[in-house]
């Protein structure tokens, strides 16, 4: 049986409850995809799960609500082996094992194919950052083309993502930052003011 390394939370509690273990590489049931994880983000959500504050979690559990990598086994999804993909949420790291592993199996409906030359350590931070920004703009604000958006902290990763997405949606974007040196980073995606 082939195995993989994974970070497993045996039960809620202190950081010592997170242990690197050898687990069997998970099989791919119908409607799912196995991803060879190249990078994953660390989120406050995993802290909540470790502390026992998340709903619906059974233990032991491999944490991680997002991952980026390549398709290892596409199952019946129509994706190709080696294709770059990202995945997030949908029960990852709570209802089923998540991205803190060398391989993760997720429902095909939550696999997002992409093509990028960015390094994996950057790509691993993108899925949840984009989801947070997009959800804030759409569900939170119902932002529409022609509206004006002020992004406080416009040079942060989430601020940059929100600015870029809002411009794509047709909004006028203004952004603030406390750092004149970081203001240049937001120039492609927003007008900015420093304070």
Protein backbone atom coordinates (compact mmCIF):
# COMPACT_ATOMS: atom_id res chain seq x y z
CA UNK A 1 0.00 0.00 0.00
CA UNK A 2 1.37 3.42 -0.98
CA UNK A 3 1.44 6.02 1.76
CA UNK A 4 1.68 9.77 2.13
CA UNK A 5 2.60 12.21 4.87
CA UNK A 6 -0.21 14.26 6.38
CA UNK A 7 -0.75 16.58 9.33
CA UNK A 8 -3.40 14.91 11.47
CA UNK A 9 -5.37 16.42 14.33
CA UNK A 10 -6.22 13.54 16.66
CA UNK A 11 -8.54 15.60 18.85
CA UNK A 12 -9.14 19.28 19.65
CA UNK A 13 -6.59 20.89 21.93
CA UNK A 14 -3.07 22.29 21.97
CA UNK A 15 -0.73 22.52 18.98
CA UNK A 16 0.89 19.25 20.10
CA UNK A 17 -2.29 17.48 18.93
CA UNK A 18 -1.20 18.13 15.32
CA UNK A 19 1.06 15.24 14.31
CA UNK A 20 2.70 14.32 11.01
CA UNK A 21 1.64 10.76 10.16
CA UNK A 22 1.99 8.25 7.37
CA UNK A 23 -1.45 7.49 5.93
CA UNK A 24 -2.61 5.45 2.96
CA UNK A 25 -2.94 7.49 -0.22
CA UNK A 26 -6.72 7.88 -0.46
CA UNK A 27 -8.68 6.13 -3.23
CA UNK A 28 -10.77 8.16 -5.69
CA UNK A 29 -14.51 7.48 -5.46
CA UNK A 30 -16.82 8.40 -8.36
CA UNK A 31 -17.28 12.15 -8.73
CA UNK A 32 -13.95 12.94 -7.05
CA UNK A 33 -10.41 13.95 -8.01
CA UNK A 34 -7.12 13.18 -6.25
CA UNK A 35 -4.70 16.10 -6.19
CA UNK A 36 -0.98 15.88 -5.48
CA UNK A 37 -0.68 18.88 -3.18
CA UNK A 38 2.12 21.32 -3.97
CA UNK A 39 1.08 24.06 -1.52
CA UNK A 40 -1.70 25.00 0.85
CA UNK A 41 -2.69 28.09 2.78
CA UNK A 42 -2.90 28.39 6.55
CA UNK A 43 -6.18 29.85 7.68
CA UNK A 44 -7.79 30.91 10.92
CA UNK A 45 -10.38 28.23 10.18
CA UNK A 46 -7.84 25.52 11.00
CA UNK A 47 -7.13 27.19 14.35
CA UNK A 48 -10.86 27.11 15.11
CA UNK A 49 -10.97 23.41 14.24
CA UNK A 50 -7.90 22.66 16.37
CA UNK A 51 -9.52 24.44 19.30
CA UNK A 52 -12.74 22.45 18.85
CA UNK A 53 -14.82 25.43 17.70
CA UNK A 54 -15.77 24.15 14.22
CA UNK A 55 -19.09 22.39 13.62
CA UNK A 56 -19.40 18.92 12.12
CA UNK A 57 -15.78 17.79 12.49
CA UNK A 58 -14.94 14.19 13.29
CA UNK A 59 -11.52 13.14 14.52
CA UNK A 60 -8.88 12.19 13.62
CA UNK A 61 -8.88 14.69 10.76
CA UNK A 62 -6.34 16.01 8.24
CA UNK A 63 -6.83 19.78 8.40
CA UNK A 64 -6.67 22.28 5.55
CA UNK A 65 -9.54 24.10 3.82
CA UNK A 66 -7.56 24.84 0.64
CA UNK A 67 -4.84 23.39 -1.57
CA UNK A 68 -3.11 23.94 -4.89
CA UNK A 69 -1.40 21.22 -6.88
CA UNK A 70 -1.68 18.92 -9.85
CA UNK A 71 -4.23 16.26 -10.73
CA UNK A 72 -2.88 12.86 -9.69
CA UNK A 73 -6.01 10.83 -10.49
CA UNK A 74 -8.84 12.60 -12.33
CA UNK A 75 -11.37 9.83 -11.70
CA UNK A 76 -14.35 10.45 -13.97
CA UNK A 77 -13.96 14.27 -13.89
CA UNK A 78 -12.60 14.82 -17.40
CA UNK A 79 -9.53 16.60 -15.99
CA UNK A 80 -6.04 15.51 -17.04
CA UNK A 81 -3.24 14.00 -14.97
CA UNK A 82 -0.69 16.75 -14.24
CA UNK A 83 -3.16 19.60 -14.77
CA UNK A 84 -2.73 22.52 -12.34
CA UNK A 85 -5.71 22.87 -10.01
CA UNK A 86 -6.84 24.54 -6.83
CA UNK A 87 -9.56 23.55 -4.38
CA UNK A 88 -11.06 25.02 -1.26
CA UNK A 89 -13.75 24.73 1.35
CA UNK A 90 -16.78 22.51 0.64
CA UNK A 91 -16.06 20.49 3.78
CA UNK A 92 -12.28 20.15 3.34
CA UNK A 93 -10.48 19.63 6.62
CA UNK A 94 -13.75 19.27 8.49
CA UNK A 95 -16.18 16.80 6.91
CA UNK A 96 -13.43 15.04 4.95
CA UNK A 97 -9.63 15.19 5.03
CA UNK A 98 -8.10 18.43 3.80
CA UNK A 99 -5.03 19.86 2.16
CA UNK A 100 -2.40 19.43 4.91
CA UNK A 101 -1.20 16.30 3.12
CA UNK A 102 0.77 15.15 0.11
CA UNK A 103 -2.51 14.09 -1.56
CA UNK A 104 -6.10 15.20 -1.09
CA UNK A 105 -9.30 13.78 -2.59
CA UNK A 106 -12.11 16.28 -3.17
CA UNK A 107 -15.40 16.39 -5.07
CA UNK A 108 -14.74 17.23 -8.73
CA UNK A 109 -17.23 20.13 -8.52
CA UNK A 110 -14.84 22.05 -6.25
CA UNK A 111 -11.71 21.63 -8.39
CA UNK A 112 -10.64 24.79 -10.22
CA UNK A 113 -8.23 24.22 -13.13
CA UNK A 114 -5.79 27.01 -13.99
CA UNK A 115 -2.53 27.65 -15.80
CA UNK A 116 0.17 29.71 -14.09
CA UNK A 117 3.92 30.15 -13.99
CA UNK A 118 3.80 31.50 -10.43
CA UNK A 119 5.73 29.46 -7.87
CA UNK A 120 3.75 27.01 -5.75
CA UNK A 121 4.38 28.90 -2.51
CA UNK A 122 2.50 31.85 -4.05
CA UNK A 123 -0.23 29.74 -5.65
CA UNK A 124 -0.96 28.03 -2.33
CA UNK A 125 -2.04 31.34 -0.80
CA UNK A 126 -4.36 32.38 -3.63
CA UNK A 127 -7.55 30.26 -3.42
CA UNK A 128 -8.91 31.42 -0.06
CA UNK A 129 -7.61 34.98 -0.58
CA UNK A 130 -9.57 35.26 -3.83
CA UNK A 131 -12.63 33.59 -2.32
CA UNK A 132 -12.59 36.00 0.63
CA UNK A 133 -12.28 39.03 -1.64
CA UNK A 134 -14.86 37.79 -4.15
CA UNK A 135 -17.38 36.82 -1.48
CA UNK A 136 -16.97 40.19 0.20
CA UNK A 137 -17.59 42.03 -3.06
CA UNK A 138 -20.52 39.92 -4.26
CA UNK A 139 -22.35 38.44 -1.28
CA UNK A 140 -21.24 41.06 1.23
CA UNK A 141 -21.53 44.25 -0.84
CA UNK A 142 -23.46 43.29 -3.98
CA UNK A 143 -20.94 45.45 -5.89
CA UNK A 144 -22.08 46.52 -9.36
CA UNK A 145 -20.38 48.01 -12.40
CA UNK A 146 -20.23 51.79 -12.18
CA UNK A 147 -20.07 51.87 -8.37
CA UNK A 148 -17.04 53.15 -6.43
CA UNK A 149 -15.27 50.97 -3.89
CA UNK A 150 -12.85 52.10 -1.17
CA UNK A 151 -10.45 49.35 -0.10
CA UNK A 152 -8.78 50.03 3.25
CA UNK A 153 -5.47 48.16 3.39
CA UNK A 154 -5.25 48.12 -0.38
CA UNK A 155 -1.67 46.85 -0.45
CA UNK A 156 -2.46 43.70 1.57
CA UNK A 157 -2.96 40.45 -0.30
CA UNK A 158 -6.73 40.53 0.23
CA UNK A 159 -6.85 44.25 -0.58
CA UNK A 160 -4.99 43.71 -3.85
CA UNK A 161 -7.28 40.81 -4.74
CA UNK A 162 -10.42 42.82 -3.94
CA UNK A 163 -9.15 45.77 -5.97
CA UNK A 164 -8.35 43.64 -9.02
CA UNK A 165 -11.68 41.78 -8.86
CA UNK A 166 -13.69 45.00 -8.37
CA UNK A 167 -12.03 46.60 -11.40
CA UNK A 168 -12.85 43.48 -13.44
CA UNK A 169 -16.46 43.89 -12.31
CA UNK A 170 -16.45 47.46 -13.67
CA UNK A 171 -16.17 49.37 -10.40
CA UNK A 172 -13.99 52.40 -9.76
CA UNK A 173 -11.51 51.43 -7.04
CA UNK A 174 -9.83 53.66 -4.48
CA UNK A 175 -7.44 52.11 -2.00
CA UNK A 176 -5.49 53.19 1.06
CA UNK A 177 -2.23 51.98 2.51
CA UNK A 178 -0.05 53.12 5.39
CA UNK A 179 3.13 52.45 3.47
CA UNK A 180 4.29 54.66 0.61
CA UNK A 181 6.66 51.89 -0.51
CA UNK A 182 3.76 49.43 -0.76
CA UNK A 183 1.56 51.91 -2.63
CA UNK A 184 3.39 51.04 -5.84
CA UNK A 185 2.25 47.43 -5.47
CA UNK A 186 -1.38 48.47 -5.79
CA UNK A 187 -0.92 50.72 -8.83
CA UNK A 188 -2.01 48.15 -11.42
CA UNK A 189 -5.23 47.45 -9.56
CA UNK A 190 -6.29 50.68 -7.87
CA UNK A 191 -5.77 54.37 -7.38
CA UNK A 192 -4.36 54.92 -3.93
CA UNK A 193 -3.95 57.40 -1.13
CA UNK A 194 -1.36 57.17 1.61
CA UNK A 195 -1.87 58.44 5.09
